[in-house]
Amino acid sequence: MFRYNYVSEEKQTIYTYKNPLEEQPTFGVFNEDQTKFMVTSDEDIIFVNIKTGREIDFDEREGLGNIQNIIHDE
């Protein structure tokens, strides 16, 4: 996760995932002060608390496998 300043073209790393994503995220949401976020893709669901460094890999923890297959199988 990084912050990019388009004016100065400065890039700053905010967070490095402990569980790398299998593919580019398709959705992400942050809390109001942007210290917690959740990102999702067809393969991954990851929650991160930037302040504490806590990272939860929900798809692995819950044994979901390929999320896209689960959605289309129902």
C-alpha atoms as a PDB file:
ATOM      1  CA  MET A   1       0.000   0.000   0.000  1.00  0.00           C
ATOM      2  CA  PHE A   2       1.491   3.332  -0.940  1.00  0.00           C
ATOM      3  CA  ARG A   3       0.685   7.018  -1.075  1.00  0.00           C
ATOM      4  CA  TYR A   4       1.466   8.866  -4.292  1.00  0.00           C
ATOM      5  CA  ASN A   5       1.660  12.650  -4.632  1.00  0.00           C
ATOM      6  CA  TYR A   6       0.790  13.510  -8.239  1.00  0.00           C
ATOM      7  CA  VAL A   7       2.216  17.035  -7.964  1.00  0.00           C
ATOM      8  CA  SER A   8       5.669  16.132  -6.611  1.00  0.00           C
ATOM      9  CA  GLU A   9       5.557  12.550  -7.957  1.00  0.00           C
ATOM     10  CA  GLU A  10       6.715  11.366  -4.516  1.00  0.00           C
ATOM     11  CA  LYS A  11       5.809   7.780  -3.598  1.00  0.00           C
ATOM     12  CA  GLN A  12       5.684   6.716   0.072  1.00  0.00           C
ATOM     13  CA  THR A  13       5.155   3.127   1.277  1.00  0.00           C
ATOM     14  CA  ILE A  14       2.393   3.056   3.903  1.00  0.00           C
ATOM     15  CA  TYR A  15       2.066  -0.685   4.477  1.00  0.00           C
ATOM     16  CA  THR A  16       3.653  -3.882   3.168  1.00  0.00           C
ATOM     17  CA  TYR A  17       1.349  -6.923   3.169  1.00  0.00           C
ATOM     18  CA  LYS A  18       2.383  -9.968   5.217  1.00  0.00           C
ATOM     19  CA  ASN A  19       0.122 -12.078   2.994  1.00  0.00           C
ATOM     20  CA  PRO A  20       0.726 -10.848  -0.565  1.00  0.00           C
ATOM     21  CA  LEU A  21      -2.337 -10.546  -2.771  1.00  0.00           C
ATOM     22  CA  GLU A  22      -2.660 -13.082  -5.580  1.00  0.00           C
ATOM     23  CA  GLU A  23      -3.896 -10.364  -7.952  1.00  0.00           C
ATOM     24  CA  GLN A  24      -4.694  -6.660  -8.103  1.00  0.00           C
ATOM     25  CA  PRO A  25      -7.491  -5.685  -5.657  1.00  0.00           C
ATOM     26  CA  THR A  26     -10.899  -4.944  -7.176  1.00  0.00           C
ATOM     27  CA  PHE A  27     -12.403  -3.254  -4.106  1.00  0.00           C
ATOM     28  CA  GLY A  28     -11.102  -1.482  -1.027  1.00  0.00           C
ATOM     29  CA  VAL A  29     -12.591   0.467   1.852  1.00  0.00           C
ATOM     30  CA  PHE A  30     -10.933   2.527   4.615  1.00  0.00           C
ATOM     31  CA  ASN A  31     -12.183   3.731   7.981  1.00  0.00           C
ATOM     32  CA  GLU A  32     -12.589   7.501   8.481  1.00  0.00           C
ATOM     33  CA  ASP A  33      -9.018   8.207   9.663  1.00  0.00           C
ATOM     34  CA  GLN A  34      -7.553   5.740   7.128  1.00  0.00           C
ATOM     35  CA  THR A  35      -5.792   3.570   9.731  1.00  0.00           C
ATOM     36  CA  LYS A  36      -7.775   0.411   8.924  1.00  0.00           C
ATOM     37  CA  PHE A  37      -8.752  -0.978   5.558  1.00  0.00           C
ATOM     38  CA  MET A  38     -10.066  -4.050   3.799  1.00  0.00           C
ATOM     39  CA  VAL A  39      -9.197  -5.023   0.237  1.00  0.00           C
ATOM     40  CA  THR A  40     -10.747  -7.748  -1.875  1.00  0.00           C
ATOM     41  CA  SER A  41     -10.181  -9.472  -5.189  1.00  0.00           C
ATOM     42  CA  ASP A  42     -11.478 -12.689  -6.736  1.00  0.00           C
ATOM     43  CA  GLU A  43      -8.826 -14.563  -4.729  1.00  0.00           C
ATOM     44  CA  ASP A  44      -8.345 -12.547  -1.523  1.00  0.00           C
ATOM     45  CA  ILE A  45     -10.039 -10.769   1.374  1.00  0.00           C
ATOM     46  CA  ILE A  46      -7.555  -8.990   3.635  1.00  0.00           C
ATOM     47  CA  PHE A  47      -8.159  -6.685   6.613  1.00  0.00           C
ATOM     48  CA  VAL A  48      -5.314  -4.476   7.907  1.00  0.00           C
ATOM     49  CA  ASN A  49      -4.932  -2.253  10.961  1.00  0.00           C
ATOM     50  CA  ILE A  50      -1.999  -0.018   9.989  1.00  0.00           C
ATOM     51  CA  LYS A  51      -1.481   1.286  13.558  1.00  0.00           C
ATOM     52  CA  THR A  52      -1.060  -2.155  15.116  1.00  0.00           C
ATOM     53  CA  GLY A  53       0.223  -4.033  12.061  1.00  0.00           C
ATOM     54  CA  ARG A  54      -2.543  -6.619  12.507  1.00  0.00           C
ATOM     55  CA  GLU A  55      -3.445  -8.326   9.249  1.00  0.00           C
ATOM     56  CA  ILE A  56      -6.221 -10.869   8.815  1.00  0.00           C
ATOM     57  CA  ASP A  57      -6.358 -12.988   5.657  1.00  0.00           C
ATOM     58  CA  PHE A  58     -10.084 -13.827   5.786  1.00  0.00           C
ATOM     59  CA  ASP A  59     -10.189 -16.097   2.751  1.00  0.00           C
ATOM     60  CA  GLU A  60      -7.395 -18.254   4.223  1.00  0.00           C
ATOM     61  CA  ARG A  61      -8.798 -18.191   7.770  1.00  0.00           C
ATOM     62  CA  GLU A  62     -12.280 -19.190   6.619  1.00  0.00           C
ATOM     63  CA  GLY A  63     -11.104 -21.613   3.907  1.00  0.00           C
ATOM     64  CA  LEU A  64     -12.913 -19.807   1.105  1.00  0.00           C
ATOM     65  CA  GLY A  65     -10.565 -20.619  -1.776  1.00  0.00           C
ATOM     66  CA  ASN A  66     -11.463 -18.857  -5.011  1.00  0.00           C
ATOM     67  CA  ILE A  67     -14.152 -16.372  -4.038  1.00  0.00           C
ATOM     68  CA  GLN A  68     -15.353 -15.892  -7.617  1.00  0.00           C
ATOM     69  CA  ASN A  69     -16.174 -19.633  -7.866  1.00  0.00           C
ATOM     70  CA  ILE A  70     -18.143 -19.509  -4.624  1.00  0.00           C
ATOM     71  CA  ILE A  71     -20.234 -16.577  -5.880  1.00  0.00           C
ATOM     72  CA  HIS A  72     -21.015 -18.207  -9.258  1.00  0.00           C
ATOM     73  CA  ASP A  73     -21.751 -21.648  -7.780  1.00  0.00           C
ATOM     74  CA  GLU A  74     -24.683 -20.363  -5.695  1.00  0.00           C
END
